[in-house]
């Protein structure tokens, strides 16, 4: 009997410790990153994602040669997670921990945008807001056309150049990555690719299959859009020209060049104000 009571007491003590641990973890959930997960997209490609915070969902899309980690190091990510939003980040296919299709076909037919839509469905999102930066804004633009669940979007570090399906800058990157064209002016970029351990062929596939969204398609977008770039960032065309293509767009400029503008607190403040303004917005 004595041993039974001791055993029962120890079991109860362990249970209490476990429950207390769970409660403590849940209480701090708004400040701790959720462990990463995978979901299987439409063609079997496995996409890695993470989510943090509680509130209205917002999906962040990273740029070329980046991963979801690039967002997690920026002020915007933390400001959203601690400011009443559920922040969702993913490694777009071909990047980070997500699968990397071995041909350009694996990136065609809006594959990346369809991955994001599939993730939103897998997470049960009825509505969500969207933020892209650089190439992430190119994918975000496709989503503005394809996904009616988006209530508001931010296109960062992007001008109107991507609306041209024959965009010369895209083809120049593709040729530099494949070695088929001039590489001297891309020496810094190619060195970064090599030092980062990135696969040039995978990056070339992404450039080869990169989508464009026509001015006619953008003209039909009815949800509010913030176009935001650095004062000295015209790498991808004019932010002002892009904003004019979208019926409900506003444009903001913040200090910085293309690779620095989204690192600032001012960028975060502008995006946060816009997303809060359009929380629970209606559909287009």
C-alpha atoms as a PDB file:
ATOM      1  CA  UNK A   1       0.000   0.000   0.000  1.00  0.00           C
ATOM      2  CA  UNK A   2       2.823   2.353   0.961  1.00  0.00           C
ATOM      3  CA  UNK A   3       4.615   1.668  -2.338  1.00  0.00           C
ATOM      4  CA  UNK A   4       1.359   2.163  -4.238  1.00  0.00           C
ATOM      5  CA  UNK A   5       0.849   5.596  -2.658  1.00  0.00           C
ATOM      6  CA  UNK A   6       4.429   6.614  -3.454  1.00  0.00           C
ATOM      7  CA  UNK A   7       4.042   5.440  -7.065  1.00  0.00           C
ATOM      8  CA  UNK A   8       0.702   7.247  -7.429  1.00  0.00           C
ATOM      9  CA  UNK A   9       2.163  10.400  -5.920  1.00  0.00           C
ATOM     10  CA  UNK A  10       5.088  10.371  -8.321  1.00  0.00           C
ATOM     11  CA  UNK A  11       2.752   9.855 -11.283  1.00  0.00           C
ATOM     12  CA  UNK A  12       0.587  12.782 -10.190  1.00  0.00           C
ATOM     13  CA  UNK A  13       3.664  14.960  -9.688  1.00  0.00           C
ATOM     14  CA  UNK A  14       4.949  14.151 -13.185  1.00  0.00           C
ATOM     15  CA  UNK A  15       1.540  14.929 -14.690  1.00  0.00           C
ATOM     16  CA  UNK A  16       1.441  18.289 -12.917  1.00  0.00           C
ATOM     17  CA  UNK A  17       4.930  19.150 -14.159  1.00  0.00           C
ATOM     18  CA  UNK A  18       3.906  18.241 -17.732  1.00  0.00           C
ATOM     19  CA  UNK A  19       0.711  20.312 -17.588  1.00  0.00           C
ATOM     20  CA  UNK A  20       2.584  23.278 -16.123  1.00  0.00           C
ATOM     21  CA  UNK A  21       5.140  23.012 -18.925  1.00  0.00           C
ATOM     22  CA  UNK A  22       2.439  23.003 -21.612  1.00  0.00           C
ATOM     23  CA  UNK A  23       0.686  25.998 -20.059  1.00  0.00           C
ATOM     24  CA  UNK A  24       3.960  27.902 -19.878  1.00  0.00           C
ATOM     25  CA  UNK A  25       4.713  27.147 -23.524  1.00  0.00           C
ATOM     26  CA  UNK A  26       1.269  28.256 -24.642  1.00  0.00           C
ATOM     27  CA  UNK A  27       1.509  31.430 -22.589  1.00  0.00           C
ATOM     28  CA  UNK A  28       4.712  32.320 -24.405  1.00  0.00           C
ATOM     29  CA  UNK A  29       3.552  31.184 -27.837  1.00  0.00           C
ATOM     30  CA  UNK A  30       3.370  34.740 -29.097  1.00  0.00           C
ATOM     31  CA  UNK A  31       7.099  35.127 -28.490  1.00  0.00           C
ATOM     32  CA  UNK A  32       8.403  31.710 -29.540  1.00  0.00           C
ATOM     33  CA  UNK A  33       8.753  30.528 -33.121  1.00  0.00           C
ATOM     34  CA  UNK A  34       6.559  27.591 -33.992  1.00  0.00           C
ATOM     35  CA  UNK A  35       8.500  24.510 -35.075  1.00  0.00           C
ATOM     36  CA  UNK A  36       8.688  24.196 -38.836  1.00  0.00           C
ATOM     37  CA  UNK A  37       6.430  21.885 -40.810  1.00  0.00           C
ATOM     38  CA  UNK A  38       6.003  20.601 -44.354  1.00  0.00           C
ATOM     39  CA  UNK A  39       2.998  20.336 -46.591  1.00  0.00           C
ATOM     40  CA  UNK A  40       2.777  18.527 -49.913  1.00  0.00           C
ATOM     41  CA  UNK A  41       1.833  20.789 -52.807  1.00  0.00           C
ATOM     42  CA  UNK A  42      -0.241  20.028 -55.903  1.00  0.00           C
ATOM     43  CA  UNK A  43       2.542  18.164 -57.750  1.00  0.00           C
ATOM     44  CA  UNK A  44       4.065  16.347 -54.788  1.00  0.00           C
ATOM     45  CA  UNK A  45       6.641  19.031 -54.019  1.00  0.00           C
ATOM     46  CA  UNK A  46       7.189  19.375 -50.270  1.00  0.00           C
ATOM     47  CA  UNK A  47       7.136  22.970 -49.047  1.00  0.00           C
ATOM     48  CA  UNK A  48       8.656  24.008 -45.725  1.00  0.00           C
ATOM     49  CA  UNK A  49       6.923  26.692 -43.663  1.00  0.00           C
ATOM     50  CA  UNK A  50       6.797  28.217 -40.199  1.00  0.00           C
ATOM     51  CA  UNK A  51       4.153  30.252 -38.358  1.00  0.00           C
ATOM     52  CA  UNK A  52       4.297  32.486 -35.316  1.00  0.00           C
ATOM     53  CA  UNK A  53       1.971  34.816 -33.435  1.00  0.00           C
ATOM     54  CA  UNK A  54      -1.787  35.012 -33.130  1.00  0.00           C
ATOM     55  CA  UNK A  55      -4.307  37.109 -35.027  1.00  0.00           C
ATOM     56  CA  UNK A  56      -5.094  37.861 -38.649  1.00  0.00           C
ATOM     57  CA  UNK A  57      -2.865  35.771 -40.943  1.00  0.00           C
ATOM     58  CA  UNK A  58      -0.245  37.407 -43.138  1.00  0.00           C
ATOM     59  CA  UNK A  59       2.013  35.444 -45.500  1.00  0.00           C
ATOM     60  CA  UNK A  60       5.504  36.774 -46.272  1.00  0.00           C
ATOM     61  CA  UNK A  61       7.237  35.833 -49.541  1.00  0.00           C
ATOM     62  CA  UNK A  62      11.029  36.078 -49.769  1.00  0.00           C
ATOM     63  CA  UNK A  63      13.138  37.195 -52.704  1.00  0.00           C
ATOM     64  CA  UNK A  64      15.548  35.547 -55.142  1.00  0.00           C
ATOM     65  CA  UNK A  65      18.342  33.434 -53.586  1.00  0.00           C
ATOM     66  CA  UNK A  66      16.717  33.851 -50.159  1.00  0.00           C
ATOM     67  CA  UNK A  67      14.723  31.694 -47.729  1.00  0.00           C
ATOM     68  CA  UNK A  68      12.174  32.312 -45.001  1.00  0.00           C
ATOM     69  CA  UNK A  69      15.117  33.040 -42.686  1.00  0.00           C
ATOM     70  CA  UNK A  70      15.671  36.308 -44.544  1.00  0.00           C
ATOM     71  CA  UNK A  71      12.305  37.544 -43.248  1.00  0.00           C
ATOM     72  CA  UNK A  72      12.921  36.373 -39.701  1.00  0.00           C
ATOM     73  CA  UNK A  73      15.952  38.646 -39.425  1.00  0.00           C
ATOM     74  CA  UNK A  74      13.982  41.773 -40.413  1.00  0.00           C
ATOM     75  CA  UNK A  75      12.111  44.132 -38.033  1.00  0.00           C
ATOM     76  CA  UNK A  76       8.836  43.558 -39.898  1.00  0.00           C
ATOM     77  CA  UNK A  77       8.667  39.890 -38.925  1.00  0.00           C
ATOM     78  CA  UNK A  78       8.985  40.539 -35.207  1.00  0.00           C
ATOM     79  CA  UNK A  79       6.690  43.585 -35.322  1.00  0.00           C
ATOM     80  CA  UNK A  80       3.955  41.511 -36.973  1.00  0.00           C
ATOM     81  CA  UNK A  81       4.353  38.510 -34.675  1.00  0.00           C
ATOM     82  CA  UNK A  82       4.128  40.719 -31.600  1.00  0.00           C
ATOM     83  CA  UNK A  83       1.534  43.082 -33.051  1.00  0.00           C
ATOM     84  CA  UNK A  84      -1.576  40.955 -33.408  1.00  0.00           C
ATOM     85  CA  UNK A  85      -0.806  39.009 -36.578  1.00  0.00           C
ATOM     86  CA  UNK A  86      -0.201  35.343 -37.317  1.00  0.00           C
ATOM     87  CA  UNK A  87       2.946  35.486 -39.429  1.00  0.00           C
ATOM     88  CA  UNK A  88       3.439  32.681 -41.943  1.00  0.00           C
ATOM     89  CA  UNK A  89       6.706  32.299 -43.850  1.00  0.00           C
ATOM     90  CA  UNK A  90       7.747  29.604 -46.300  1.00  0.00           C
ATOM     91  CA  UNK A  91      10.699  28.541 -48.393  1.00  0.00           C
ATOM     92  CA  UNK A  92       9.455  28.927 -51.941  1.00  0.00           C
ATOM     93  CA  UNK A  93      10.126  25.817 -54.031  1.00  0.00           C
ATOM     94  CA  UNK A  94      13.748  25.577 -55.044  1.00  0.00           C
ATOM     95  CA  UNK A  95      14.899  27.349 -51.888  1.00  0.00           C
ATOM     96  CA  UNK A  96      15.923  26.498 -48.333  1.00  0.00           C
ATOM     97  CA  UNK A  97      14.346  23.373 -46.891  1.00  0.00           C
ATOM     98  CA  UNK A  98      11.679  23.005 -49.591  1.00  0.00           C
ATOM     99  CA  UNK A  99      12.034  20.523 -52.444  1.00  0.00           C
ATOM    100  CA  UNK A 100      13.936  21.692 -55.508  1.00  0.00           C
ATOM    101  CA  UNK A 101      12.425  20.567 -58.828  1.00  0.00           C
ATOM    102  CA  UNK A 102      15.129  19.572 -61.299  1.00  0.00           C
ATOM    103  CA  UNK A 103      13.723  21.220 -64.426  1.00  0.00           C
ATOM    104  CA  UNK A 104      12.229  24.556 -65.423  1.00  0.00           C
ATOM    105  CA  UNK A 105       8.883  22.785 -65.828  1.00  0.00           C
ATOM    106  CA  UNK A 106       8.774  22.418 -62.049  1.00  0.00           C
ATOM    107  CA  UNK A 107       8.480  26.198 -61.745  1.00  0.00           C
ATOM    108  CA  UNK A 108       6.128  26.890 -64.650  1.00  0.00           C
ATOM    109  CA  UNK A 109       2.348  27.321 -64.703  1.00  0.00           C
ATOM    110  CA  UNK A 110       2.321  29.500 -61.571  1.00  0.00           C
ATOM    111  CA  UNK A 111       3.772  26.658 -59.504  1.00  0.00           C
ATOM    112  CA  UNK A 112       5.102  28.952 -56.777  1.00  0.00           C
ATOM    113  CA  UNK A 113       1.838  30.863 -56.460  1.00  0.00           C
ATOM    114  CA  UNK A 114      -0.059  27.578 -56.359  1.00  0.00           C
ATOM    115  CA  UNK A 115       2.208  26.436 -53.523  1.00  0.00           C
ATOM    116  CA  UNK A 116       1.206  29.499 -51.509  1.00  0.00           C
ATOM    117  CA  UNK A 117      -2.469  28.917 -52.259  1.00  0.00           C
ATOM    118  CA  UNK A 118      -2.090  25.286 -51.221  1.00  0.00           C
ATOM    119  CA  UNK A 119      -0.437  26.303 -47.974  1.00  0.00           C
ATOM    120  CA  UNK A 120      -3.252  28.748 -47.221  1.00  0.00           C
ATOM    121  CA  UNK A 121      -5.754  25.954 -47.830  1.00  0.00           C
ATOM    122  CA  UNK A 122      -3.796  23.473 -45.713  1.00  0.00           C
ATOM    123  CA  UNK A 123      -3.778  25.975 -42.853  1.00  0.00           C
ATOM    124  CA  UNK A 124      -7.514  26.594 -43.226  1.00  0.00           C
ATOM    125  CA  UNK A 125      -7.126  30.289 -44.067  1.00  0.00           C
ATOM    126  CA  UNK A 126     -10.387  31.789 -45.277  1.00  0.00           C
ATOM    127  CA  UNK A 127      -8.760  35.210 -45.745  1.00  0.00           C
ATOM    128  CA  UNK A 128      -5.193  36.445 -45.482  1.00  0.00           C
ATOM    129  CA  UNK A 129      -2.935  39.396 -46.172  1.00  0.00           C
ATOM    130  CA  UNK A 130       0.214  39.094 -48.262  1.00  0.00           C
ATOM    131  CA  UNK A 131       3.661  40.714 -48.301  1.00  0.00           C
ATOM    132  CA  UNK A 132       6.302  40.122 -50.950  1.00  0.00           C
ATOM    133  CA  UNK A 133       9.747  41.588 -51.430  1.00  0.00           C
ATOM    134  CA  UNK A 134      11.762  41.629 -54.650  1.00  0.00           C
ATOM    135  CA  UNK A 135      11.027  38.356 -56.483  1.00  0.00           C
ATOM    136  CA  UNK A 136       8.513  37.593 -53.731  1.00  0.00           C
ATOM    137  CA  UNK A 137       6.515  40.547 -55.061  1.00  0.00           C
ATOM    138  CA  UNK A 138       6.475  38.972 -58.511  1.00  0.00           C
ATOM    139  CA  UNK A 139       4.890  35.839 -57.035  1.00  0.00           C
ATOM    140  CA  UNK A 140       2.589  37.992 -54.898  1.00  0.00           C
ATOM    141  CA  UNK A 141       1.364  39.729 -58.053  1.00  0.00           C
ATOM    142  CA  UNK A 142       0.330  36.386 -59.506  1.00  0.00           C
ATOM    143  CA  UNK A 143      -1.564  35.661 -56.294  1.00  0.00           C
ATOM    144  CA  UNK A 144      -3.421  38.971 -56.586  1.00  0.00           C
ATOM    145  CA  UNK A 145      -4.822  37.619 -59.839  1.00  0.00           C
ATOM    146  CA  UNK A 146      -5.364  34.019 -58.739  1.00  0.00           C
ATOM    147  CA  UNK A 147      -6.478  34.007 -55.094  1.00  0.00           C
ATOM    148  CA  UNK A 148      -9.632  35.792 -53.958  1.00  0.00           C
ATOM    149  CA  UNK A 149      -8.839  35.095 -50.308  1.00  0.00           C
ATOM    150  CA  UNK A 150      -6.265  37.906 -50.242  1.00  0.00           C
ATOM    151  CA  UNK A 151      -7.683  41.014 -48.573  1.00  0.00           C
ATOM    152  CA  UNK A 152      -4.667  43.327 -48.948  1.00  0.00           C
ATOM    153  CA  UNK A 153      -1.120  43.037 -50.251  1.00  0.00           C
ATOM    154  CA  UNK A 154       2.272  44.714 -50.092  1.00  0.00           C
ATOM    155  CA  UNK A 155       4.629  44.656 -53.073  1.00  0.00           C
ATOM    156  CA  UNK A 156       8.074  45.611 -51.783  1.00  0.00           C
ATOM    157  CA  UNK A 157      11.247  46.260 -53.762  1.00  0.00           C
ATOM    158  CA  UNK A 158       9.456  45.996 -57.083  1.00  0.00           C
ATOM    159  CA  UNK A 159       8.679  48.262 -60.019  1.00  0.00           C
ATOM    160  CA  UNK A 160       6.790  47.722 -63.247  1.00  0.00           C
ATOM    161  CA  UNK A 161       9.569  45.938 -65.199  1.00  0.00           C
ATOM    162  CA  UNK A 162       8.349  42.411 -64.379  1.00  0.00           C
ATOM    163  CA  UNK A 163       5.117  43.019 -66.304  1.00  0.00           C
ATOM    164  CA  UNK A 164       7.169  42.525 -69.481  1.00  0.00           C
ATOM    165  CA  UNK A 165       7.360  38.775 -70.258  1.00  0.00           C
ATOM    166  CA  UNK A 166      10.598  39.518 -72.157  1.00  0.00           C
ATOM    167  CA  UNK A 167      12.167  41.461 -69.287  1.00  0.00           C
ATOM    168  CA  UNK A 168      15.849  41.839 -70.283  1.00  0.00           C
ATOM    169  CA  UNK A 169      17.143  41.810 -66.694  1.00  0.00           C
ATOM    170  CA  UNK A 170      15.565  38.399 -66.055  1.00  0.00           C
ATOM    171  CA  UNK A 171      17.177  36.903 -69.141  1.00  0.00           C
ATOM    172  CA  UNK A 172      20.525  38.473 -68.233  1.00  0.00           C
ATOM    173  CA  UNK A 173      20.423  36.743 -64.836  1.00  0.00           C
ATOM    174  CA  UNK A 174      19.443  33.477 -66.515  1.00  0.00           C
ATOM    175  CA  UNK A 175      22.332  33.644 -68.996  1.00  0.00           C
ATOM    176  CA  UNK A 176      24.808  34.576 -66.270  1.00  0.00           C
ATOM    177  CA  UNK A 177      23.716  31.605 -64.161  1.00  0.00           C
ATOM    178  CA  UNK A 178      23.964  29.165 -67.056  1.00  0.00           C
ATOM    179  CA  UNK A 179      27.227  30.645 -68.356  1.00  0.00           C
ATOM    180  CA  UNK A 180      25.633  31.336 -71.722  1.00  0.00           C
ATOM    181  CA  UNK A 181      26.024  35.114 -71.529  1.00  0.00           C
ATOM    182  CA  UNK A 182      28.098  37.946 -70.144  1.00  0.00           C
ATOM    183  CA  UNK A 183      29.109  37.307 -66.546  1.00  0.00           C
ATOM    184  CA  UNK A 184      31.545  40.114 -65.693  1.00  0.00           C
ATOM    185  CA  UNK A 185      28.840  42.501 -64.438  1.00  0.00           C
ATOM    186  CA  UNK A 186      27.352  39.630 -62.409  1.00  0.00           C
ATOM    187  CA  UNK A 187      30.641  38.617 -60.774  1.00  0.00           C
ATOM    188  CA  UNK A 188      29.562  39.803 -57.317  1.00  0.00           C
ATOM    189  CA  UNK A 189      26.238  38.000 -57.588  1.00  0.00           C
ATOM    190  CA  UNK A 190      27.833  34.775 -58.837  1.00  0.00           C
ATOM    191  CA  UNK A 191      30.412  34.902 -56.067  1.00  0.00           C
ATOM    192  CA  UNK A 192      27.589  35.254 -53.521  1.00  0.00           C
ATOM    193  CA  UNK A 193      25.817  32.249 -55.051  1.00  0.00           C
ATOM    194  CA  UNK A 194      28.973  30.138 -54.811  1.00  0.00           C
ATOM    195  CA  UNK A 195      29.879  31.241 -51.280  1.00  0.00           C
ATOM    196  CA  UNK A 196      26.311  30.607 -50.090  1.00  0.00           C
ATOM    197  CA  UNK A 197      26.330  27.069 -51.470  1.00  0.00           C
ATOM    198  CA  UNK A 198      23.378  27.748 -53.767  1.00  0.00           C
ATOM    199  CA  UNK A 199      22.747  25.666 -56.867  1.00  0.00           C
ATOM    200  CA  UNK A 200      23.156  27.752 -60.015  1.00  0.00           C
ATOM    201  CA  UNK A 201      21.020  25.436 -62.122  1.00  0.00           C
ATOM    202  CA  UNK A 202      18.079  25.649 -59.703  1.00  0.00           C
ATOM    203  CA  UNK A 203      18.332  29.441 -59.685  1.00  0.00           C
ATOM    204  CA  UNK A 204      18.463  29.422 -63.481  1.00  0.00           C
ATOM    205  CA  UNK A 205      15.257  27.366 -63.602  1.00  0.00           C
ATOM    206  CA  UNK A 206      13.568  29.975 -61.402  1.00  0.00           C
ATOM    207  CA  UNK A 207      14.605  32.779 -63.743  1.00  0.00           C
ATOM    208  CA  UNK A 208      13.680  30.825 -66.853  1.00  0.00           C
ATOM    209  CA  UNK A 209      10.171  30.078 -65.587  1.00  0.00           C
ATOM    210  CA  UNK A 210       9.604  33.325 -63.688  1.00  0.00           C
ATOM    211  CA  UNK A 211       6.047  34.565 -64.303  1.00  0.00           C
ATOM    212  CA  UNK A 212       4.945  37.992 -65.436  1.00  0.00           C
ATOM    213  CA  UNK A 213       1.632  39.674 -64.698  1.00  0.00           C
ATOM    214  CA  UNK A 214       0.314  41.903 -67.465  1.00  0.00           C
ATOM    215  CA  UNK A 215      -0.918  45.474 -66.955  1.00  0.00           C
ATOM    216  CA  UNK A 216      -4.355  44.270 -68.078  1.00  0.00           C
ATOM    217  CA  UNK A 217      -4.399  41.649 -65.316  1.00  0.00           C
ATOM    218  CA  UNK A 218      -3.221  44.124 -62.680  1.00  0.00           C
ATOM    219  CA  UNK A 219      -5.939  46.570 -63.748  1.00  0.00           C
ATOM    220  CA  UNK A 220      -8.556  44.052 -62.563  1.00  0.00           C
ATOM    221  CA  UNK A 221      -7.129  43.731 -59.039  1.00  0.00           C
ATOM    222  CA  UNK A 222      -9.634  45.263 -56.628  1.00  0.00           C
ATOM    223  CA  UNK A 223      -7.973  44.780 -53.233  1.00  0.00           C
ATOM    224  CA  UNK A 224      -5.794  47.523 -51.688  1.00  0.00           C
ATOM    225  CA  UNK A 225      -2.076  47.280 -52.449  1.00  0.00           C
ATOM    226  CA  UNK A 226       0.917  49.082 -50.970  1.00  0.00           C
ATOM    227  CA  UNK A 227       3.884  49.440 -53.328  1.00  0.00           C
ATOM    228  CA  UNK A 228       6.973  50.273 -51.265  1.00  0.00           C
ATOM    229  CA  UNK A 229      10.628  50.635 -52.269  1.00  0.00           C
ATOM    230  CA  UNK A 230      13.831  52.358 -51.214  1.00  0.00           C
ATOM    231  CA  UNK A 231      14.448  55.928 -52.338  1.00  0.00           C
ATOM    232  CA  UNK A 232      17.389  54.701 -54.418  1.00  0.00           C
ATOM    233  CA  UNK A 233      15.809  51.466 -55.612  1.00  0.00           C
ATOM    234  CA  UNK A 234      14.851  51.367 -59.261  1.00  0.00           C
ATOM    235  CA  UNK A 235      16.462  47.988 -59.932  1.00  0.00           C
ATOM    236  CA  UNK A 236      13.184  46.493 -61.147  1.00  0.00           C
ATOM    237  CA  UNK A 237      11.578  49.515 -62.771  1.00  0.00           C
ATOM    238  CA  UNK A 238       9.525  52.287 -61.217  1.00  0.00           C
ATOM    239  CA  UNK A 239       7.468  51.688 -58.067  1.00  0.00           C
ATOM    240  CA  UNK A 240       5.313  54.675 -59.014  1.00  0.00           C
ATOM    241  CA  UNK A 241       4.631  53.200 -62.459  1.00  0.00           C
ATOM    242  CA  UNK A 242       3.657  49.875 -60.883  1.00  0.00           C
ATOM    243  CA  UNK A 243       1.267  51.603 -58.471  1.00  0.00           C
ATOM    244  CA  UNK A 244      -0.471  53.308 -61.397  1.00  0.00           C
ATOM    245  CA  UNK A 245      -1.292  49.889 -62.870  1.00  0.00           C
ATOM    246  CA  UNK A 246      -3.244  48.871 -59.744  1.00  0.00           C
ATOM    247  CA  UNK A 247      -6.646  50.538 -59.148  1.00  0.00           C
ATOM    248  CA  UNK A 248      -6.332  50.688 -55.351  1.00  0.00           C
ATOM    249  CA  UNK A 249      -2.596  51.106 -54.869  1.00  0.00           C
ATOM    250  CA  UNK A 250      -0.616  53.582 -52.825  1.00  0.00           C
ATOM    251  CA  UNK A 251       3.132  54.056 -53.106  1.00  0.00           C
ATOM    252  CA  UNK A 252       5.692  54.742 -50.401  1.00  0.00           C
ATOM    253  CA  UNK A 253       9.427  55.326 -50.511  1.00  0.00           C
ATOM    254  CA  UNK A 254      11.716  54.665 -47.557  1.00  0.00           C
ATOM    255  CA  UNK A 255      15.467  55.187 -47.146  1.00  0.00           C
ATOM    256  CA  UNK A 256      17.744  52.642 -48.775  1.00  0.00           C
ATOM    257  CA  UNK A 257      18.665  50.734 -51.901  1.00  0.00           C
ATOM    258  CA  UNK A 258      17.113  47.470 -53.035  1.00  0.00           C
ATOM    259  CA  UNK A 259      19.012  45.223 -50.636  1.00  0.00           C
ATOM    260  CA  UNK A 260      18.638  47.467 -47.576  1.00  0.00           C
ATOM    261  CA  UNK A 261      15.244  49.195 -47.671  1.00  0.00           C
ATOM    262  CA  UNK A 262      13.293  46.299 -46.130  1.00  0.00           C
ATOM    263  CA  UNK A 263      15.764  46.013 -43.262  1.00  0.00           C
ATOM    264  CA  UNK A 264      14.701  49.321 -41.730  1.00  0.00           C
ATOM    265  CA  UNK A 265      12.262  50.103 -38.952  1.00  0.00           C
ATOM    266  CA  UNK A 266      10.624  52.668 -41.239  1.00  0.00           C
ATOM    267  CA  UNK A 267       9.813  49.982 -43.801  1.00  0.00           C
ATOM    268  CA  UNK A 268       8.272  47.878 -41.047  1.00  0.00           C
ATOM    269  CA  UNK A 269       6.257  50.820 -39.716  1.00  0.00           C
ATOM    270  CA  UNK A 270       4.808  51.642 -43.149  1.00  0.00           C
ATOM    271  CA  UNK A 271       3.848  48.030 -43.861  1.00  0.00           C
ATOM    272  CA  UNK A 272       2.428  47.486 -40.387  1.00  0.00           C
ATOM    273  CA  UNK A 273       0.277  50.617 -40.629  1.00  0.00           C
ATOM    274  CA  UNK A 274      -1.062  49.507 -44.018  1.00  0.00           C
ATOM    275  CA  UNK A 275      -1.875  45.965 -42.887  1.00  0.00           C
ATOM    276  CA  UNK A 276      -3.592  47.207 -39.734  1.00  0.00           C
ATOM    277  CA  UNK A 277      -5.622  49.672 -41.773  1.00  0.00           C
ATOM    278  CA  UNK A 278      -6.920  46.832 -43.932  1.00  0.00           C
ATOM    279  CA  UNK A 279      -7.447  44.160 -41.295  1.00  0.00           C
ATOM    280  CA  UNK A 280     -10.648  42.193 -41.909  1.00  0.00           C
ATOM    281  CA  UNK A 281     -11.082  43.935 -45.263  1.00  0.00           C
ATOM    282  CA  UNK A 282     -13.637  42.620 -47.704  1.00  0.00           C
ATOM    283  CA  UNK A 283     -12.868  40.664 -50.841  1.00  0.00           C
ATOM    284  CA  UNK A 284     -12.414  42.194 -54.230  1.00  0.00           C
END
